[in-house]
């Protein structure tokens, strides 16, 4: 995962928005064709988990900044 400490707040927000769109795409795909290719569904779910882990890291960075600001 990339270093988030050098990202601006607006960059972090943009990443969260991108991730939200990506997760919606995963959900839409699984709803429309989830049973068609189990291997693809598993790959998409693995990717969704990684996306959520990135979101947690982004939110932790926001929390760290808030704590540092006092």
N, C-alpha and C. Protein backbone atom coordinates (compact mmCIF):
# COMPACT_ATOMS: atom_id res chain seq x y z
N UNK A 1 0.84 -1.17 0.00
CA UNK A 1 0.00 0.00 0.00
C UNK A 1 0.89 1.24 0.00
N UNK A 2 0.45 2.25 -0.69
CA UNK A 2 1.25 3.46 -0.81
C UNK A 2 1.28 4.25 0.50
N UNK A 3 2.29 5.09 0.64
CA UNK A 3 2.43 5.95 1.81
C UNK A 3 1.39 7.07 1.71
N UNK A 4 0.55 7.16 2.69
CA UNK A 4 -0.52 8.16 2.67
C UNK A 4 -0.14 9.45 3.35
N UNK A 5 0.98 9.46 4.06
CA UNK A 5 1.35 10.66 4.82
C UNK A 5 1.67 11.84 3.92
N UNK A 6 2.07 11.58 2.68
CA UNK A 6 2.41 12.69 1.79
C UNK A 6 1.21 13.15 0.95
N UNK A 7 0.06 12.55 1.15
CA UNK A 7 -1.15 12.94 0.41
C UNK A 7 -1.87 14.07 1.14
N UNK A 8 -2.42 14.98 0.37
CA UNK A 8 -3.23 16.05 0.96
C UNK A 8 -4.59 15.48 1.39
N UNK A 9 -5.29 16.23 2.22
CA UNK A 9 -6.63 15.81 2.62
C UNK A 9 -7.53 15.61 1.40
N UNK A 10 -7.44 16.51 0.44
CA UNK A 10 -8.29 16.38 -0.75
C UNK A 10 -7.90 15.14 -1.56
N UNK A 11 -6.61 14.79 -1.58
CA UNK A 11 -6.19 13.56 -2.26
C UNK A 11 -6.78 12.32 -1.57
N UNK A 12 -6.77 12.34 -0.24
CA UNK A 12 -7.33 11.21 0.51
C UNK A 12 -8.83 11.09 0.27
N UNK A 13 -9.52 12.21 0.25
CA UNK A 13 -10.95 12.19 -0.03
C UNK A 13 -11.22 11.66 -1.44
N UNK A 14 -10.40 12.07 -2.38
CA UNK A 14 -10.54 11.58 -3.75
C UNK A 14 -10.33 10.07 -3.81
N UNK A 15 -9.38 9.55 -3.06
CA UNK A 15 -9.17 8.10 -3.01
C UNK A 15 -10.38 7.39 -2.44
N UNK A 16 -10.97 7.94 -1.39
CA UNK A 16 -12.17 7.33 -0.80
C UNK A 16 -13.32 7.33 -1.80
N UNK A 17 -13.49 8.41 -2.53
CA UNK A 17 -14.56 8.48 -3.53
C UNK A 17 -14.31 7.47 -4.65
N UNK A 18 -13.06 7.38 -5.10
CA UNK A 18 -12.73 6.40 -6.14
C UNK A 18 -13.03 4.98 -5.64
N UNK A 19 -12.62 4.69 -4.40
CA UNK A 19 -12.85 3.36 -3.84
C UNK A 19 -14.33 3.06 -3.72
N UNK A 20 -15.13 4.05 -3.35
CA UNK A 20 -16.58 3.84 -3.24
C UNK A 20 -17.16 3.48 -4.60
N UNK A 21 -16.72 4.17 -5.63
CA UNK A 21 -17.18 3.86 -6.99
C UNK A 21 -16.75 2.46 -7.40
N UNK A 22 -15.51 2.13 -7.09
CA UNK A 22 -15.00 0.80 -7.42
C UNK A 22 -15.81 -0.28 -6.72
N UNK A 23 -16.09 -0.09 -5.44
CA UNK A 23 -16.87 -1.09 -4.71
C UNK A 23 -18.28 -1.22 -5.27
N UNK A 24 -18.87 -0.12 -5.69
CA UNK A 24 -20.19 -0.19 -6.30
C UNK A 24 -20.13 -0.97 -7.61
N UNK A 25 -19.07 -0.78 -8.38
CA UNK A 25 -18.89 -1.56 -9.61
C UNK A 25 -18.80 -3.06 -9.32
N UNK A 26 -18.08 -3.41 -8.26
CA UNK A 26 -17.96 -4.82 -7.87
C UNK A 26 -19.34 -5.38 -7.51
N UNK A 27 -20.08 -4.64 -6.70
CA UNK A 27 -21.42 -5.09 -6.30
C UNK A 27 -22.32 -5.25 -7.53
N UNK A 28 -22.28 -4.27 -8.41
CA UNK A 28 -23.11 -4.35 -9.61
C UNK A 28 -22.75 -5.57 -10.46
N UNK A 29 -21.47 -5.82 -10.61
CA UNK A 29 -21.03 -6.98 -11.39
C UNK A 29 -21.51 -8.28 -10.74
N UNK A 30 -21.32 -8.38 -9.43
CA UNK A 30 -21.72 -9.61 -8.75
C UNK A 30 -23.23 -9.83 -8.81
N UNK A 31 -23.98 -8.76 -8.78
CA UNK A 31 -25.44 -8.88 -8.90
C UNK A 31 -25.85 -9.32 -10.29
N UNK A 32 -25.17 -8.81 -11.30
CA UNK A 32 -25.58 -9.10 -12.67
C UNK A 32 -25.02 -10.41 -13.20
N UNK A 33 -23.81 -10.79 -12.76
CA UNK A 33 -23.16 -11.94 -13.37
C UNK A 33 -22.37 -12.74 -12.33
N UNK A 34 -22.71 -12.59 -11.09
CA UNK A 34 -21.92 -13.21 -10.03
C UNK A 34 -21.83 -14.71 -10.12
N UNK A 35 -22.88 -15.36 -10.56
CA UNK A 35 -22.88 -16.81 -10.63
C UNK A 35 -22.24 -17.33 -11.91
N UNK A 36 -22.00 -16.43 -12.87
CA UNK A 36 -21.47 -16.86 -14.16
C UNK A 36 -20.05 -17.38 -14.10
N UNK A 37 -19.20 -16.77 -13.32
CA UNK A 37 -17.79 -17.17 -13.26
C UNK A 37 -17.33 -17.08 -11.80
N UNK A 38 -17.39 -18.20 -11.08
CA UNK A 38 -17.01 -18.18 -9.66
C UNK A 38 -15.59 -17.66 -9.42
N UNK A 39 -14.65 -17.99 -10.29
CA UNK A 39 -13.28 -17.51 -10.10
C UNK A 39 -13.21 -15.99 -10.19
N UNK A 40 -13.94 -15.42 -11.14
CA UNK A 40 -13.97 -13.95 -11.28
C UNK A 40 -14.65 -13.32 -10.06
N UNK A 41 -15.70 -13.95 -9.57
CA UNK A 41 -16.38 -13.43 -8.38
C UNK A 41 -15.44 -13.42 -7.18
N UNK A 42 -14.67 -14.47 -7.03
CA UNK A 42 -13.71 -14.54 -5.92
C UNK A 42 -12.64 -13.47 -6.08
N UNK A 43 -12.15 -13.29 -7.30
CA UNK A 43 -11.14 -12.25 -7.55
C UNK A 43 -11.70 -10.88 -7.21
N UNK A 44 -12.95 -10.62 -7.61
CA UNK A 44 -13.57 -9.33 -7.31
C UNK A 44 -13.77 -9.14 -5.81
N UNK A 45 -14.15 -10.19 -5.11
CA UNK A 45 -14.32 -10.08 -3.66
C UNK A 45 -12.98 -9.85 -2.97
N UNK A 46 -11.93 -10.52 -3.43
CA UNK A 46 -10.59 -10.27 -2.89
C UNK A 46 -10.18 -8.81 -3.10
N UNK A 47 -10.47 -8.30 -4.29
CA UNK A 47 -10.16 -6.91 -4.61
C UNK A 47 -10.97 -5.97 -3.72
N UNK A 48 -12.22 -6.30 -3.47
CA UNK A 48 -13.06 -5.47 -2.60
C UNK A 48 -12.51 -5.44 -1.17
N UNK A 49 -12.01 -6.56 -0.69
CA UNK A 49 -11.40 -6.60 0.64
C UNK A 49 -10.16 -5.70 0.68
N UNK A 50 -9.33 -5.77 -0.35
CA UNK A 50 -8.15 -4.91 -0.41
C UNK A 50 -8.54 -3.44 -0.44
N UNK A 51 -9.61 -3.14 -1.16
CA UNK A 51 -10.10 -1.76 -1.22
C UNK A 51 -10.54 -1.30 0.16
N UNK A 52 -11.24 -2.15 0.88
CA UNK A 52 -11.67 -1.78 2.23
C UNK A 52 -10.47 -1.60 3.16
N UNK A 53 -9.46 -2.42 3.00
CA UNK A 53 -8.24 -2.25 3.80
C UNK A 53 -7.58 -0.91 3.51
N UNK A 54 -7.59 -0.51 2.25
CA UNK A 54 -7.05 0.81 1.89
C UNK A 54 -7.89 1.91 2.54
N UNK A 55 -9.21 1.75 2.55
CA UNK A 55 -10.08 2.74 3.16
C UNK A 55 -9.79 2.87 4.66
N UNK A 56 -9.54 1.77 5.32
CA UNK A 56 -9.21 1.81 6.74
C UNK A 56 -7.91 2.59 6.94
N UNK A 57 -6.92 2.34 6.10
CA UNK A 57 -5.65 3.06 6.20
C UNK A 57 -5.84 4.56 5.98
N UNK A 58 -6.69 4.92 5.04
CA UNK A 58 -6.97 6.34 4.78
C UNK A 58 -7.63 6.98 5.99
N UNK A 59 -8.61 6.31 6.55
CA UNK A 59 -9.29 6.86 7.73
C UNK A 59 -8.35 6.93 8.93
N UNK A 60 -7.45 5.97 9.06
CA UNK A 60 -6.46 6.03 10.14
C UNK A 60 -5.53 7.21 9.95
N UNK A 61 -5.19 7.52 8.71
CA UNK A 61 -4.35 8.68 8.44
C UNK A 61 -5.07 9.97 8.82
N UNK A 62 -6.35 10.06 8.50
CA UNK A 62 -7.13 11.23 8.93
C UNK A 62 -7.14 11.33 10.45
N UNK A 63 -7.33 10.22 11.14
CA UNK A 63 -7.33 10.23 12.60
C UNK A 63 -5.98 10.65 13.16
N UNK A 64 -4.90 10.16 12.55
CA UNK A 64 -3.56 10.54 13.00
C UNK A 64 -3.35 12.04 12.84
N UNK A 65 -3.78 12.58 11.71
CA UNK A 65 -3.64 14.03 11.48
C UNK A 65 -4.45 14.84 12.48
N UNK A 66 -5.64 14.37 12.76
CA UNK A 66 -6.48 15.09 13.73
C UNK A 66 -5.84 15.07 15.11
N UNK A 67 -5.32 13.92 15.50
CA UNK A 67 -4.67 13.81 16.80
C UNK A 67 -3.42 14.70 16.87
N UNK A 68 -2.68 14.75 15.78
CA UNK A 68 -1.46 15.57 15.75
C UNK A 68 -1.78 17.06 15.80
N UNK A 69 -2.94 17.42 15.26
CA UNK A 69 -3.35 18.83 15.25
C UNK A 69 -3.83 19.29 16.62
N UNK A 70 -4.12 18.32 17.47
CA UNK A 70 -4.49 18.65 18.84
C UNK A 70 -5.91 18.86 19.02
